[in-house]
């Protein structure tokens, strides 16, 4: 995964532990079957290789949330 399009150099959790770009079955012995890499079909990890490390969520995820009035209030929130 290329780092050129990432929003931040380092991603951490609330305990300031670094969060990896993605994890594979090698990272967790409890994983039964390997998942495809991010950006690969069937997109179980998202359609973009870097997902939201490169771009923030956009409001279109909320489109159709309740009525038109409810959606409009959410956009303004």
PDB file of N, CA and C in Angstrom:
ATOM      1  N   UNK A   1       0.844  -1.168   0.000  1.00  0.00           N
ATOM      2  CA  UNK A   1       0.000   0.000   0.000  1.00  0.00           C
ATOM      3  C   UNK A   1       0.889   1.230   0.000  1.00  0.00           C
ATOM      4  N   UNK A   2       0.669   2.109  -0.949  1.00  0.00           N
ATOM      5  CA  UNK A   2       1.443   3.335  -1.032  1.00  0.00           C
ATOM      6  C   UNK A   2       1.021   4.355   0.015  1.00  0.00           C
ATOM      7  N   UNK A   3       1.977   5.091   0.546  1.00  0.00           N
ATOM      8  CA  UNK A   3       1.670   6.073   1.586  1.00  0.00           C
ATOM      9  C   UNK A   3       1.441   7.470   1.027  1.00  0.00           C
ATOM     10  N   UNK A   4       1.564   7.659  -0.270  1.00  0.00           N
ATOM     11  CA  UNK A   4       1.494   8.994  -0.864  1.00  0.00           C
ATOM     12  C   UNK A   4       0.144   9.669  -0.650  1.00  0.00           C
ATOM     13  N   UNK A   5      -0.941   8.901  -0.583  1.00  0.00           N
ATOM     14  CA  UNK A   5      -2.278   9.490  -0.500  1.00  0.00           C
ATOM     15  C   UNK A   5      -2.886   9.434   0.893  1.00  0.00           C
ATOM     16  N   UNK A   6      -2.098   9.145   1.924  1.00  0.00           N
ATOM     17  CA  UNK A   6      -2.657   9.026   3.261  1.00  0.00           C
ATOM     18  C   UNK A   6      -2.845  10.391   3.911  1.00  0.00           C
ATOM     19  N   UNK A   7      -3.895  10.511   4.721  1.00  0.00           N
ATOM     20  CA  UNK A   7      -4.187  11.765   5.411  1.00  0.00           C
ATOM     21  C   UNK A   7      -3.170  12.048   6.513  1.00  0.00           C
ATOM     22  N   UNK A   8      -2.696  10.996   7.183  1.00  0.00           N
ATOM     23  CA  UNK A   8      -1.746  11.153   8.284  1.00  0.00           C
ATOM     24  C   UNK A   8      -0.597  10.175   8.095  1.00  0.00           C
ATOM     25  N   UNK A   9       0.530  10.492   8.694  1.00  0.00           N
ATOM     26  CA  UNK A   9       1.691   9.608   8.608  1.00  0.00           C
ATOM     27  C   UNK A   9       1.518   8.380   9.493  1.00  0.00           C
ATOM     28  N   UNK A  10       0.856   8.555  10.655  1.00  0.00           N
ATOM     29  CA  UNK A  10       0.700   7.480  11.626  1.00  0.00           C
ATOM     30  C   UNK A  10      -0.741   7.470  12.141  1.00  0.00           C
ATOM     31  N   UNK A  11      -1.349   6.299  12.204  1.00  0.00           N
ATOM     32  CA  UNK A  11      -2.696   6.141  12.737  1.00  0.00           C
ATOM     33  C   UNK A  11      -2.591   5.394  14.058  1.00  0.00           C
ATOM     34  N   UNK A  12      -3.241   5.917  15.120  1.00  0.00           N
ATOM     35  CA  UNK A  12      -3.164   5.312  16.445  1.00  0.00           C
ATOM     36  C   UNK A  12      -4.554   5.196  17.065  1.00  0.00           C
ATOM     37  N   UNK A  13      -4.642   4.347  18.094  1.00  0.00           N
ATOM     38  CA  UNK A  13      -5.888   4.252  18.847  1.00  0.00           C
ATOM     39  C   UNK A  13      -5.816   5.195  20.043  1.00  0.00           C
ATOM     40  N   UNK A  14      -6.802   5.143  20.934  1.00  0.00           N
ATOM     41  CA  UNK A  14      -6.839   6.051  22.078  1.00  0.00           C
ATOM     42  C   UNK A  14      -5.679   5.824  23.045  1.00  0.00           C
ATOM     43  N   UNK A  15      -5.073   4.649  23.022  1.00  0.00           N
ATOM     44  CA  UNK A  15      -3.919   4.349  23.879  1.00  0.00           C
ATOM     45  C   UNK A  15      -2.605   4.685  23.195  1.00  0.00           C
ATOM     46  N   UNK A  16      -2.674   5.371  22.067  1.00  0.00           N
ATOM     47  CA  UNK A  16      -1.516   5.765  21.267  1.00  0.00           C
ATOM     48  C   UNK A  16      -0.729   4.573  20.719  1.00  0.00           C
ATOM     49  N   UNK A  17      -1.419   3.437  20.557  1.00  0.00           N
ATOM     50  CA  UNK A  17      -0.801   2.264  19.932  1.00  0.00           C
ATOM     51  C   UNK A  17      -1.009   2.387  18.433  1.00  0.00           C
ATOM     52  N   UNK A  18       0.038   2.155  17.659  1.00  0.00           N
ATOM     53  CA  UNK A  18      -0.071   2.294  16.210  1.00  0.00           C
ATOM     54  C   UNK A  18      -0.974   1.214  15.632  1.00  0.00           C
ATOM     55  N   UNK A  19      -1.820   1.623  14.692  1.00  0.00           N
ATOM     56  CA  UNK A  19      -2.746   0.717  14.016  1.00  0.00           C
ATOM     57  C   UNK A  19      -2.185   0.430  12.633  1.00  0.00           C
ATOM     58  N   UNK A  20      -2.017  -0.849  12.312  1.00  0.00           N
ATOM     59  CA  UNK A  20      -1.480  -1.235  11.013  1.00  0.00           C
ATOM     60  C   UNK A  20      -2.417  -0.866   9.878  1.00  0.00           C
ATOM     61  N   UNK A  21      -1.876  -0.797   8.690  1.00  0.00           N
ATOM     62  CA  UNK A  21      -2.677  -0.452   7.512  1.00  0.00           C
ATOM     63  C   UNK A  21      -3.776  -1.485   7.279  1.00  0.00           C
ATOM     64  N   UNK A  22      -3.463  -2.751   7.469  1.00  0.00           N
ATOM     65  CA  UNK A  22      -4.438  -3.835   7.418  1.00  0.00           C
ATOM     66  C   UNK A  22      -3.786  -5.063   8.029  1.00  0.00           C
ATOM     67  N   UNK A  23      -4.590  -6.027   8.374  1.00  0.00           N
ATOM     68  CA  UNK A  23      -4.091  -7.237   9.020  1.00  0.00           C
ATOM     69  C   UNK A  23      -4.473  -8.454   8.186  1.00  0.00           C
ATOM     70  N   UNK A  24      -3.656  -9.481   8.260  1.00  0.00           N
ATOM     71  CA  UNK A  24      -3.908 -10.708   7.505  1.00  0.00           C
ATOM     72  C   UNK A  24      -4.092 -11.867   8.474  1.00  0.00           C
ATOM     73  N   UNK A  25      -4.350 -13.052   7.948  1.00  0.00           N
ATOM     74  CA  UNK A  25      -4.516 -14.245   8.780  1.00  0.00           C
ATOM     75  C   UNK A  25      -3.260 -14.520   9.607  1.00  0.00           C
ATOM     76  N   UNK A  26      -2.107 -14.101   9.136  1.00  0.00           N
ATOM     77  CA  UNK A  26      -0.859 -14.297   9.890  1.00  0.00           C
ATOM     78  C   UNK A  26      -0.859 -13.501  11.195  1.00  0.00           C
ATOM     79  N   UNK A  27      -1.645 -12.425  11.252  1.00  0.00           N
ATOM     80  CA  UNK A  27      -1.711 -11.583  12.443  1.00  0.00           C
ATOM     81  C   UNK A  27      -2.649 -12.137  13.510  1.00  0.00           C
ATOM     82  N   UNK A  28      -3.528 -13.060  13.145  1.00  0.00           N
ATOM     83  CA  UNK A  28      -4.487 -13.624  14.091  1.00  0.00           C
ATOM     84  C   UNK A  28      -4.667 -15.111  13.841  1.00  0.00           C
ATOM     85  N   UNK A  29      -4.184 -15.935  14.771  1.00  0.00           N
ATOM     86  CA  UNK A  29      -4.328 -17.387  14.574  1.00  0.00           C
ATOM     87  C   UNK A  29      -5.790 -17.839  14.607  1.00  0.00           C
ATOM     88  N   UNK A  30      -6.705 -16.997  15.109  1.00  0.00           N
ATOM     89  CA  UNK A  30      -8.120 -17.365  15.180  1.00  0.00           C
ATOM     90  C   UNK A  30      -8.827 -17.237  13.837  1.00  0.00           C
ATOM     91  N   UNK A  31      -8.179 -16.624  12.855  1.00  0.00           N
ATOM     92  CA  UNK A  31      -8.797 -16.436  11.544  1.00  0.00           C
ATOM     93  C   UNK A  31      -8.890 -17.773  10.824  1.00  0.00           C
ATOM     94  N   UNK A  32     -10.101 -18.128  10.405  1.00  0.00           N
ATOM     95  CA  UNK A  32     -10.316 -19.416   9.758  1.00  0.00           C
ATOM     96  C   UNK A  32      -9.929 -19.413   8.289  1.00  0.00           C
ATOM     97  N   UNK A  33     -10.271 -18.344   7.586  1.00  0.00           N
ATOM     98  CA  UNK A  33      -9.934 -18.287   6.169  1.00  0.00           C
ATOM     99  C   UNK A  33      -9.388 -16.903   5.845  1.00  0.00           C
ATOM    100  N   UNK A  34      -8.438 -16.842   4.945  1.00  0.00           N
ATOM    101  CA  UNK A  34      -7.846 -15.546   4.617  1.00  0.00           C
ATOM    102  C   UNK A  34      -8.826 -14.627   3.890  1.00  0.00           C
ATOM    103  N   UNK A  35      -8.780 -13.365   4.212  1.00  0.00           N
ATOM    104  CA  UNK A  35      -9.589 -12.362   3.518  1.00  0.00           C
ATOM    105  C   UNK A  35      -8.772 -11.779   2.379  1.00  0.00           C
ATOM    106  N   UNK A  36      -9.456 -11.289   1.349  1.00  0.00           N
ATOM    107  CA  UNK A  36      -8.715 -10.619   0.277  1.00  0.00           C
ATOM    108  C   UNK A  36      -8.112  -9.314   0.804  1.00  0.00           C
ATOM    109  N   UNK A  37      -7.139  -8.794   0.108  1.00  0.00           N
ATOM    110  CA  UNK A  37      -6.523  -7.532   0.496  1.00  0.00           C
ATOM    111  C   UNK A  37      -7.503  -6.383   0.273  1.00  0.00           C
ATOM    112  N   UNK A  38      -7.342  -5.282   0.996  1.00  0.00           N
ATOM    113  CA  UNK A  38      -8.221  -4.134   0.770  1.00  0.00           C
ATOM    114  C   UNK A  38      -8.173  -3.699  -0.686  1.00  0.00           C
ATOM    115  N   UNK A  39      -9.334  -3.407  -1.262  1.00  0.00           N
ATOM    116  CA  UNK A  39      -9.422  -2.982  -2.652  1.00  0.00           C
ATOM    117  C   UNK A  39      -9.584  -4.126  -3.638  1.00  0.00           C
ATOM    118  N   UNK A  40      -9.525  -5.364  -3.157  1.00  0.00           N
ATOM    119  CA  UNK A  40      -9.681  -6.537  -4.027  1.00  0.00           C
ATOM    120  C   UNK A  40     -11.072  -7.147  -3.875  1.00  0.00           C
ATOM    121  N   UNK A  41     -11.583  -7.697  -4.962  1.00  0.00           N
ATOM    122  CA  UNK A  41     -12.871  -8.386  -4.967  1.00  0.00           C
ATOM    123  C   UNK A  41     -12.839  -9.506  -3.944  1.00  0.00           C
ATOM    124  N   UNK A  42     -13.866  -9.757  -3.172  1.00  0.00           N
ATOM    125  CA  UNK A  42     -15.213  -9.212  -3.191  1.00  0.00           C
ATOM    126  C   UNK A  42     -15.409  -7.997  -2.276  1.00  0.00           C
ATOM    127  N   UNK A  43     -14.389  -7.238  -2.063  1.00  0.00           N
ATOM    128  CA  UNK A  43     -14.444  -5.964  -1.339  1.00  0.00           C
ATOM    129  C   UNK A  43     -14.930  -6.090   0.102  1.00  0.00           C
ATOM    130  N   UNK A  44     -14.529  -7.177   0.777  1.00  0.00           N
ATOM    131  CA  UNK A  44     -14.909  -7.352   2.176  1.00  0.00           C
ATOM    132  C   UNK A  44     -14.193  -6.342   3.068  1.00  0.00           C
ATOM    133  N   UNK A  45     -13.140  -5.713   2.551  1.00  0.00           N
ATOM    134  CA  UNK A  45     -12.417  -4.702   3.311  1.00  0.00           C
ATOM    135  C   UNK A  45     -12.508  -3.331   2.666  1.00  0.00           C
ATOM    136  N   UNK A  46     -13.446  -3.147   1.779  1.00  0.00           N
ATOM    137  CA  UNK A  46     -13.653  -1.861   1.136  1.00  0.00           C
ATOM    138  C   UNK A  46     -13.164  -1.837  -0.292  1.00  0.00           C
ATOM    139  N   UNK A  47     -13.661  -0.857  -1.053  1.00  0.00           N
ATOM    140  CA  UNK A  47     -13.367  -0.792  -2.475  1.00  0.00           C
ATOM    141  C   UNK A  47     -12.076  -0.044  -2.790  1.00  0.00           C
ATOM    142  N   UNK A  48     -11.559   0.701  -1.826  1.00  0.00           N
ATOM    143  CA  UNK A  48     -10.315   1.430  -2.057  1.00  0.00           C
ATOM    144  C   UNK A  48      -9.188   0.787  -1.254  1.00  0.00           C
ATOM    145  N   UNK A  49      -8.001   0.790  -1.795  1.00  0.00           N
ATOM    146  CA  UNK A  49      -6.858   0.172  -1.128  1.00  0.00           C
ATOM    147  C   UNK A  49      -6.563   0.813   0.227  1.00  0.00           C
ATOM    148  N   UNK A  50      -6.634   2.120   0.291  1.00  0.00           N
ATOM    149  CA  UNK A  50      -6.321   2.819   1.544  1.00  0.00           C
ATOM    150  C   UNK A  50      -7.553   3.174   2.355  1.00  0.00           C
ATOM    151  N   UNK A  51      -8.731   2.978   1.798  1.00  0.00           N
ATOM    152  CA  UNK A  51     -10.007   3.315   2.426  1.00  0.00           C
ATOM    153  C   UNK A  51      -9.956   4.684   3.087  1.00  0.00           C
ATOM    154  N   UNK A  52     -10.316   4.803   4.345  1.00  0.00           N
ATOM    155  CA  UNK A  52     -10.463   6.124   4.953  1.00  0.00           C
ATOM    156  C   UNK A  52      -9.164   6.650   5.554  1.00  0.00           C
ATOM    157  N   UNK A  53      -8.071   5.981   5.291  1.00  0.00           N
ATOM    158  CA  UNK A  53      -6.776   6.549   5.646  1.00  0.00           C
ATOM    159  C   UNK A  53      -6.383   7.595   4.608  1.00  0.00           C
ATOM    160  N   UNK A  54      -6.923   7.477   3.434  1.00  0.00           N
ATOM    161  CA  UNK A  54      -6.628   8.428   2.376  1.00  0.00           C
ATOM    162  C   UNK A  54      -7.659   9.532   2.266  1.00  0.00           C
ATOM    163  N   UNK A  55      -8.921   9.182   2.487  1.00  0.00           N
ATOM    164  CA  UNK A  55     -10.005  10.158   2.395  1.00  0.00           C
ATOM    165  C   UNK A  55     -10.956   9.942   3.557  1.00  0.00           C
ATOM    166  N   UNK A  56     -11.517  11.029   4.053  1.00  0.00           N
ATOM    167  CA  UNK A  56     -12.501  10.921   5.118  1.00  0.00           C
ATOM    168  C   UNK A  56     -13.821  10.399   4.566  1.00  0.00           C
ATOM    169  N   UNK A  57     -14.685   9.955   5.466  1.00  0.00           N
ATOM    170  CA  UNK A  57     -16.029   9.553   5.080  1.00  0.00           C
ATOM    171  C   UNK A  57     -16.727  10.732   4.436  1.00  0.00           C
ATOM    172  N   UNK A  58     -17.593  10.465   3.518  1.00  0.00           N
ATOM    173  CA  UNK A  58     -18.372  11.539   2.900  1.00  0.00           C
ATOM    174  C   UNK A  58     -19.823  11.403   3.332  1.00  0.00           C
ATOM    175  N   UNK A  59     -20.558  12.468   3.179  1.00  0.00           N
ATOM    176  CA  UNK A  59     -21.946  12.473   3.635  1.00  0.00           C
ATOM    177  C   UNK A  59     -22.847  11.540   2.842  1.00  0.00           C
ATOM    178  N   UNK A  60     -22.421  11.046   1.706  1.00  0.00           N
ATOM    179  CA  UNK A  60     -23.321  10.186   0.933  1.00  0.00           C
ATOM    180  C   UNK A  60     -23.655   8.892   1.669  1.00  0.00           C
ATOM    181  N   UNK A  61     -22.868   8.517   2.676  1.00  0.00           N
ATOM    182  CA  UNK A  61     -23.203   7.330   3.462  1.00  0.00           C
ATOM    183  C   UNK A  61     -24.519   7.517   4.213  1.00  0.00           C
ATOM    184  N   UNK A  62     -24.945   8.768   4.395  1.00  0.00           N
ATOM    185  CA  UNK A  62     -26.154   9.046   5.136  1.00  0.00           C
ATOM    186  C   UNK A  62     -27.353   9.324   4.236  1.00  0.00           C
ATOM    187  N   UNK A  63     -27.178   9.309   2.944  1.00  0.00           N
ATOM    188  CA  UNK A  63     -28.275   9.603   2.033  1.00  0.00           C
ATOM    189  C   UNK A  63     -29.393   8.584   2.241  1.00  0.00           C
ATOM    190  N   UNK A  64     -30.611   9.078   2.286  1.00  0.00           N
ATOM    191  CA  UNK A  64     -31.751   8.198   2.472  1.00  0.00           C
ATOM    192  C   UNK A  64     -31.963   7.800   3.918  1.00  0.00           C
ATOM    193  N   UNK A  65     -31.349   8.506   4.854  1.00  0.00           N
ATOM    194  CA  UNK A  65     -31.481   8.206   6.269  1.00  0.00           C
ATOM    195  C   UNK A  65     -32.794   8.805   6.768  1.00  0.00           C
ATOM    196  N   UNK A  66     -33.868   8.018   6.765  1.00  0.00           N
ATOM    197  CA  UNK A  66     -35.171   8.522   7.169  1.00  0.00           C
ATOM    198  C   UNK A  66     -35.803   9.339   6.061  1.00  0.00           C
ATOM    199  N   UNK A  67     -36.542  10.353   6.454  1.00  0.00           N
ATOM    200  CA  UNK A  67     -37.217  11.199   5.481  1.00  0.00           C
ATOM    201  C   UNK A  67     -36.240  12.207   4.881  1.00  0.00           C
ATOM    202  N   UNK A  68     -36.693  12.939   3.866  1.00  0.00           N
ATOM    203  CA  UNK A  68     -35.853  13.983   3.269  1.00  0.00           C
ATOM    204  C   UNK A  68     -35.510  15.036   4.309  1.00  0.00           C
ATOM    205  N   UNK A  69     -36.462  15.371   5.164  1.00  0.00           N
ATOM    206  CA  UNK A  69     -36.220  16.354   6.221  1.00  0.00           C
ATOM    207  C   UNK A  69     -35.150  15.837   7.201  1.00  0.00           C
ATOM    208  N   UNK A  70     -35.243  14.558   7.611  1.00  0.00           N
ATOM    209  CA  UNK A  70     -34.267  13.965   8.521  1.00  0.00           C
ATOM    210  C   UNK A  70     -32.870  13.954   7.894  1.00  0.00           C
ATOM    211  N   UNK A  71     -32.799  13.588   6.615  1.00  0.00           N
ATOM    212  CA  UNK A  71     -31.507  13.567   5.921  1.00  0.00           C
ATOM    213  C   UNK A  71     -30.898  14.961   5.875  1.00  0.00           C
ATOM    214  N   UNK A  72     -31.711  15.972   5.555  1.00  0.00           N
ATOM    215  CA  UNK A  72     -31.229  17.334   5.472  1.00  0.00           C
ATOM    216  C   UNK A  72     -30.711  17.803   6.833  1.00  0.00           C
ATOM    217  N   UNK A  73     -31.416  17.466   7.910  1.00  0.00           N
ATOM    218  CA  UNK A  73     -30.957  17.839   9.256  1.00  0.00           C
ATOM    219  C   UNK A  73     -29.627  17.156   9.573  1.00  0.00           C
ATOM    220  N   UNK A  74     -29.467  15.927   9.128  1.00  0.00           N
ATOM    221  CA  UNK A  74     -28.207  15.204   9.372  1.00  0.00           C
ATOM    222  C   UNK A  74     -27.057  15.867   8.626  1.00  0.00           C
ATOM    223  N   UNK A  75     -27.275  16.274   7.390  1.00  0.00           N
ATOM    224  CA  UNK A  75     -26.220  16.941   6.618  1.00  0.00           C
ATOM    225  C   UNK A  75     -25.770  18.211   7.322  1.00  0.00           C
ATOM    226  N   UNK A  76     -26.724  18.958   7.852  1.00  0.00           N
ATOM    227  CA  UNK A  76     -26.417  20.216   8.516  1.00  0.00           C
ATOM    228  C   UNK A  76     -25.765  20.017   9.877  1.00  0.00           C
ATOM    229  N   UNK A  77     -25.985  18.846  10.487  1.00  0.00           N
ATOM    230  CA  UNK A  77     -25.389  18.533  11.782  1.00  0.00           C
ATOM    231  C   UNK A  77     -23.890  18.399  11.623  1.00  0.00           C
TER     232      UNK A  77
END
